[in-house]
Amino acid sequence: MTILIVEDEAIVGMDLAARLEAEGYDVLEVVDNGKDALALFKTNEVDLVLLDIQLKGSWDGIVTAQHLKQIKLVPIVYLSGQTDDETLERAKETSPSAYLTKPVSSIALRIAIDLAIHNFAKAKEELSNVKVLNPTQKEPVATRESILQIDNFIFIKQSYQFNKVKLSEILYLESDNNYVHIITSTKKFTLRLTLNGVLERINFDKLVRTHRSFAINIDQIESFNDHEIIMGKHTIPLGRNYKDDFMRYFDFL
């Protein structure tokens, strides 16, 4: 995930950036005013904004949030030393995902980001633009893992951190008993879910079942024969019971 930090105190901003990077997040930039934040927001992919209410320049954090929301809706977590009613009421009008009072502990920051992403995805689900993917009671319970889908990306939560994965970069899914491995060209994620459960929850029509234990991204195929599919250094079995469905994805000339 890429996070933009808008904080008028340089030392606080640098500390937040260091803590987030230690958790595995990407920090796009630390800026101290709303106009610079808006310029970065317009030209970069940002997944979440940490936004101080007290900023340098003519815009405070709340005004800045209003401008950001006109460009794109992303989770916004306010940071502030102010807890007066007037500030809180103004902040509510921008529908923030979380509101943290300074000083911010690492645990509070981690929880706020977790809740911000989850609540944001739930809100978008109501507009039918997002699917929130969680295990059902019929499947193994994922205590620390969940999947959120926003447009053409999924966010896979592992070890209290959401990892952003573009759907088109998925190579294949592999079932391992009650677990599923999601394989990309550079990363591997493991979820405590069934293969059917993951396929039902990811809205991506390029994922094709080729075996009882495998589903592949058909756009990533390099070659195949009657028994196996080659995807770079990976060889995926093509099961007899899945071959007909697999071949339907091809146009015969």
Protein backbone atom coordinates (compact mmCIF):
# COMPACT_ATOMS: atom_id res chain seq x y z
CA MET A 1 0.00 0.00 0.00
CA THR A 2 1.10 3.52 -0.78
CA ILE A 3 0.45 6.10 1.94
CA LEU A 4 0.69 9.88 1.68
CA ILE A 5 1.56 11.67 4.93
CA VAL A 6 0.46 15.29 5.35
CA GLU A 7 2.00 16.61 8.57
CA ASP A 8 3.24 20.11 9.40
CA GLU A 9 5.84 18.97 11.95
CA ALA A 10 8.81 17.53 10.06
CA ILE A 11 10.04 15.37 12.94
CA VAL A 12 6.59 13.85 13.48
CA GLY A 13 6.20 13.21 9.75
CA MET A 14 9.58 11.50 9.49
CA ASP A 15 8.80 9.36 12.53
CA LEU A 16 5.45 8.28 11.05
CA ALA A 17 7.13 7.46 7.74
CA ALA A 18 9.80 5.35 9.44
CA ARG A 19 7.21 3.42 11.44
CA LEU A 20 5.04 2.75 8.40
CA GLU A 21 7.98 1.63 6.29
CA ALA A 22 9.05 -0.70 9.10
CA GLU A 23 5.56 -2.24 8.86
CA GLY A 24 6.08 -2.80 5.13
CA TYR A 25 4.05 0.10 3.72
CA ASP A 26 5.28 2.42 0.98
CA VAL A 27 5.34 6.10 1.95
CA LEU A 28 4.93 8.27 -1.13
CA GLU A 29 5.99 11.52 0.52
CA VAL A 30 5.75 13.63 3.68
CA VAL A 31 4.42 17.12 2.95
CA ASP A 32 3.45 19.93 5.32
CA ASN A 33 0.64 21.68 3.43
CA GLY A 34 -2.57 20.87 1.63
CA LYS A 35 -1.72 22.23 -1.81
CA ASP A 36 1.43 20.11 -2.12
CA ALA A 37 -0.60 17.12 -0.92
CA LEU A 38 -3.21 17.72 -3.61
CA ALA A 39 -0.56 17.99 -6.34
CA LEU A 40 0.97 14.64 -5.32
CA PHE A 41 -2.45 13.06 -4.97
CA LYS A 42 -3.38 14.02 -8.53
CA THR A 43 -0.28 12.52 -10.11
CA ASN A 44 0.38 9.39 -8.01
CA GLU A 45 -1.43 6.24 -6.99
CA VAL A 46 -2.33 6.76 -3.32
CA ASP A 47 -4.17 4.12 -1.26
CA LEU A 48 -4.51 5.97 2.06
CA VAL A 49 -3.80 9.45 3.44
CA LEU A 50 -2.59 10.26 6.95
CA LEU A 51 -3.69 13.86 7.35
CA ASP A 52 -2.85 16.25 10.17
CA ILE A 53 -5.61 18.79 10.81
CA GLN A 54 -3.17 21.59 11.66
CA LEU A 55 -1.14 22.33 8.50
CA LYS A 56 1.00 25.08 7.06
CA GLY A 57 -0.57 27.33 4.43
CA SER A 58 -4.12 28.50 3.91
CA TRP A 59 -5.73 25.03 3.98
CA ASP A 60 -6.07 23.03 7.16
CA GLY A 61 -6.40 19.23 7.04
CA ILE A 62 -10.18 19.29 6.76
CA VAL A 63 -10.18 21.68 3.81
CA THR A 64 -7.43 19.56 2.24
CA ALA A 65 -9.55 16.43 2.66
CA GLN A 66 -12.43 18.13 0.85
CA HIS A 67 -10.17 18.85 -2.13
CA LEU A 68 -8.75 15.30 -2.15
CA LYS A 69 -12.22 13.77 -2.14
CA GLN A 70 -13.09 15.68 -5.30
CA ILE A 71 -10.26 13.87 -7.12
CA LYS A 72 -10.62 10.34 -5.78
CA LEU A 73 -12.11 8.62 -2.76
CA VAL A 74 -9.51 6.93 -0.55
CA PRO A 75 -9.42 6.24 3.19
CA ILE A 76 -8.38 9.31 5.20
CA VAL A 77 -7.02 9.04 8.73
CA TYR A 78 -6.88 12.33 10.61
CA LEU A 79 -4.06 13.10 13.04
CA SER A 80 -4.61 15.90 15.52
CA GLY A 81 -3.82 17.29 18.91
CA GLN A 82 -7.19 19.03 18.81
CA THR A 83 -10.20 17.33 20.37
CA ASP A 84 -12.59 20.28 20.67
CA ASP A 85 -16.18 19.80 19.52
CA GLU A 86 -15.96 22.29 16.67
CA THR A 87 -12.96 20.54 15.08
CA LEU A 88 -14.55 17.12 15.50
CA GLU A 89 -17.82 18.27 13.90
CA ARG A 90 -15.96 19.75 10.92
CA ALA A 91 -13.94 16.56 10.57
CA LYS A 92 -17.08 14.41 10.59
CA GLU A 93 -18.39 16.24 7.54
CA THR A 94 -15.58 14.74 5.44
CA SER A 95 -16.36 11.16 6.60
CA PRO A 96 -12.85 10.17 7.73
CA SER A 97 -12.01 6.51 8.19
CA ALA A 98 -10.34 7.18 11.54
CA TYR A 99 -9.31 10.03 13.87
CA LEU A 100 -6.14 9.68 15.94
CA THR A 101 -5.06 12.08 18.66
CA LYS A 102 -1.37 12.85 19.09
CA PRO A 103 0.96 11.42 20.18
CA VAL A 104 0.12 8.33 18.11
CA SER A 105 1.33 4.92 19.25
CA SER A 106 2.43 2.31 16.71
CA ILE A 107 -0.37 -0.04 17.80
CA ALA A 108 -3.02 2.66 17.41
CA LEU A 109 -1.62 3.57 13.99
CA ARG A 110 -1.67 -0.05 12.81
CA ILE A 111 -5.24 -0.58 14.04
CA ALA A 112 -6.42 2.69 12.48
CA ILE A 113 -5.02 1.73 9.06
CA ASP A 114 -6.55 -1.74 9.34
CA LEU A 115 -9.98 -0.35 10.19
CA ALA A 116 -9.70 2.45 7.64
CA ILE A 117 -9.12 0.08 4.74
CA HIS A 118 -11.82 -2.35 5.90
CA ASN A 119 -14.43 0.33 6.55
CA PHE A 120 -13.65 2.06 3.27
CA ALA A 121 -14.15 -1.19 1.36
CA LYS A 122 -17.43 -1.82 3.20
CA ALA A 123 -18.66 1.65 2.27
CA LYS A 124 -17.78 1.12 -1.38
CA GLU A 125 -19.51 -2.25 -1.31
CA GLU A 126 -22.77 -0.42 -0.64
CA LEU A 127 -22.23 1.42 -3.93
CA SER A 128 -21.59 -1.91 -5.69
CA ASN A 129 -18.06 -0.89 -6.65
CA VAL A 130 -16.24 -3.25 -4.34
CA LYS A 131 -16.49 -6.77 -2.98
CA VAL A 132 -15.43 -7.42 0.61
CA LEU A 133 -14.03 -10.90 0.73
CA ASN A 134 -14.13 -12.76 4.00
CA PRO A 135 -14.37 -16.45 4.93
CA THR A 136 -17.85 -17.88 5.43
CA GLN A 137 -18.72 -20.08 8.37
CA LYS A 138 -18.53 -23.15 6.12
CA GLU A 139 -14.84 -22.54 5.46
CA PRO A 140 -11.81 -22.44 7.76
CA VAL A 141 -11.77 -19.28 9.85
CA ALA A 142 -9.06 -16.84 8.84
CA THR A 143 -7.98 -15.20 12.08
CA ARG A 144 -5.42 -12.82 10.60
CA GLU A 145 -6.14 -12.94 6.87
CA SER A 146 -8.80 -11.33 4.75
CA ILE A 147 -9.14 -10.06 1.20
CA LEU A 148 -10.59 -6.80 0.00
CA GLN A 149 -11.23 -6.06 -3.66
CA ILE A 150 -11.34 -2.52 -4.97
CA ASP A 151 -11.73 -2.24 -8.73
CA ASN A 152 -8.85 -4.18 -10.35
CA PHE A 153 -6.85 -4.70 -7.17
CA ILE A 154 -7.08 -6.95 -4.15
CA PHE A 155 -5.67 -6.15 -0.73
CA ILE A 156 -4.49 -9.28 1.08
CA LYS A 157 -4.15 -8.92 4.82
CA GLN A 158 -1.39 -10.90 6.48
CA SER A 159 0.35 -10.23 9.77
CA TYR A 160 -1.80 -7.13 10.37
CA GLN A 161 -0.78 -5.57 7.06
CA PHE A 162 -2.70 -5.13 3.79
CA ASN A 163 -0.69 -6.00 0.68
CA LYS A 164 -1.88 -4.55 -2.63
CA VAL A 165 -1.94 -6.94 -5.61
CA LYS A 166 -3.07 -6.09 -9.13
CA LEU A 167 -5.37 -8.84 -10.38
CA SER A 168 -3.67 -9.01 -13.77
CA GLU A 169 -0.34 -9.80 -12.05
CA ILE A 170 -1.63 -13.00 -10.44
CA LEU A 171 -0.08 -16.08 -12.09
CA TYR A 172 -2.06 -18.82 -10.39
CA LEU A 173 -3.77 -20.05 -7.24
CA GLU A 174 -2.73 -23.31 -5.62
CA SER A 175 -4.73 -25.24 -3.04
CA ASP A 176 -2.87 -26.90 -0.17
CA ASN A 177 -5.44 -28.65 2.01
CA ASN A 178 -7.20 -25.83 3.88
CA TYR A 179 -4.89 -23.15 2.52
CA VAL A 180 -4.57 -21.33 -0.80
CA HIS A 181 -1.35 -19.85 -2.15
CA ILE A 182 -1.74 -16.79 -4.39
CA ILE A 183 1.31 -16.62 -6.65
CA THR A 184 2.50 -13.57 -8.59
CA SER A 185 5.76 -13.21 -10.50
CA THR A 186 7.47 -11.77 -7.40
CA LYS A 187 5.39 -12.70 -4.36
CA LYS A 188 3.50 -15.49 -2.66
CA PHE A 189 0.58 -15.00 -0.26
CA THR A 190 -1.04 -17.75 1.78
CA LEU A 191 -4.63 -17.64 3.02
CA ARG A 192 -6.48 -20.05 5.23
CA LEU A 193 -9.31 -20.56 2.75
CA THR A 194 -10.45 -23.15 0.21
CA LEU A 195 -9.74 -22.67 -3.49
CA ASN A 196 -13.46 -22.52 -4.24
CA GLY A 197 -13.86 -19.88 -1.54
CA VAL A 198 -11.21 -17.63 -3.05
CA LEU A 199 -12.52 -18.06 -6.61
CA GLU A 200 -16.03 -17.15 -5.50
CA ARG A 201 -14.77 -13.99 -3.83
CA ILE A 202 -12.35 -12.62 -6.43
CA ASN A 203 -14.22 -10.93 -9.26
CA PHE A 204 -11.75 -11.65 -12.08
CA ASP A 205 -12.91 -13.61 -15.12
CA LYS A 206 -9.36 -14.44 -16.24
CA LEU A 207 -8.92 -16.93 -13.40
CA VAL A 208 -9.60 -20.39 -14.85
CA ARG A 209 -9.71 -23.69 -12.97
CA THR A 210 -7.34 -26.22 -14.58
CA HIS A 211 -7.09 -28.83 -11.83
CA ARG A 212 -8.78 -29.56 -8.53
CA SER A 213 -5.85 -27.83 -6.83
CA PHE A 214 -5.05 -25.07 -9.33
CA ALA A 215 -6.57 -22.04 -11.04
CA ILE A 216 -4.55 -19.91 -13.44
CA ASN A 217 -4.64 -16.42 -14.94
CA ILE A 218 -5.20 -17.36 -18.57
CA ASP A 219 -3.47 -14.17 -19.77
CA GLN A 220 -0.20 -15.37 -18.20
CA ILE A 221 0.05 -18.63 -20.20
CA GLU A 222 3.23 -19.06 -22.25
CA SER A 223 2.49 -22.54 -23.63
CA PHE A 224 0.49 -25.68 -22.90
CA ASN A 225 -0.07 -29.25 -24.01
CA ASP A 226 -2.59 -31.95 -23.16
CA HIS A 227 -1.33 -32.38 -19.63
CA GLU A 228 0.32 -29.20 -18.40
CA ILE A 229 0.54 -25.42 -18.70
CA ILE A 230 3.77 -23.43 -18.68
CA MET A 231 3.87 -20.02 -16.99
CA GLY A 232 7.46 -18.84 -16.83
CA LYS A 233 9.31 -21.14 -14.47
CA HIS A 234 6.03 -22.64 -13.22
CA THR A 235 4.41 -25.80 -14.60
CA ILE A 236 0.71 -26.22 -13.79
CA PRO A 237 -1.18 -29.49 -14.32
CA LEU A 238 -4.12 -29.55 -16.73
CA GLY A 239 -6.60 -32.05 -15.35
CA ARG A 240 -8.68 -34.20 -17.66
CA ASN A 241 -11.92 -33.08 -16.01
CA TYR A 242 -11.05 -29.40 -16.54
CA LYS A 243 -9.63 -29.55 -20.07
CA ASP A 244 -12.91 -28.88 -21.94
CA ASP A 245 -13.72 -25.81 -19.85
CA PHE A 246 -10.15 -24.57 -20.27
CA MET A 247 -10.27 -24.90 -24.07
CA ARG A 248 -13.48 -22.87 -24.28
CA TYR A 249 -11.44 -19.75 -23.56
CA PHE A 250 -9.72 -20.04 -26.93
CA ASP A 251 -11.00 -19.12 -30.37
CA PHE A 252 -10.26 -21.79 -32.96
CA LEU A 253 -9.35 -20.34 -36.36
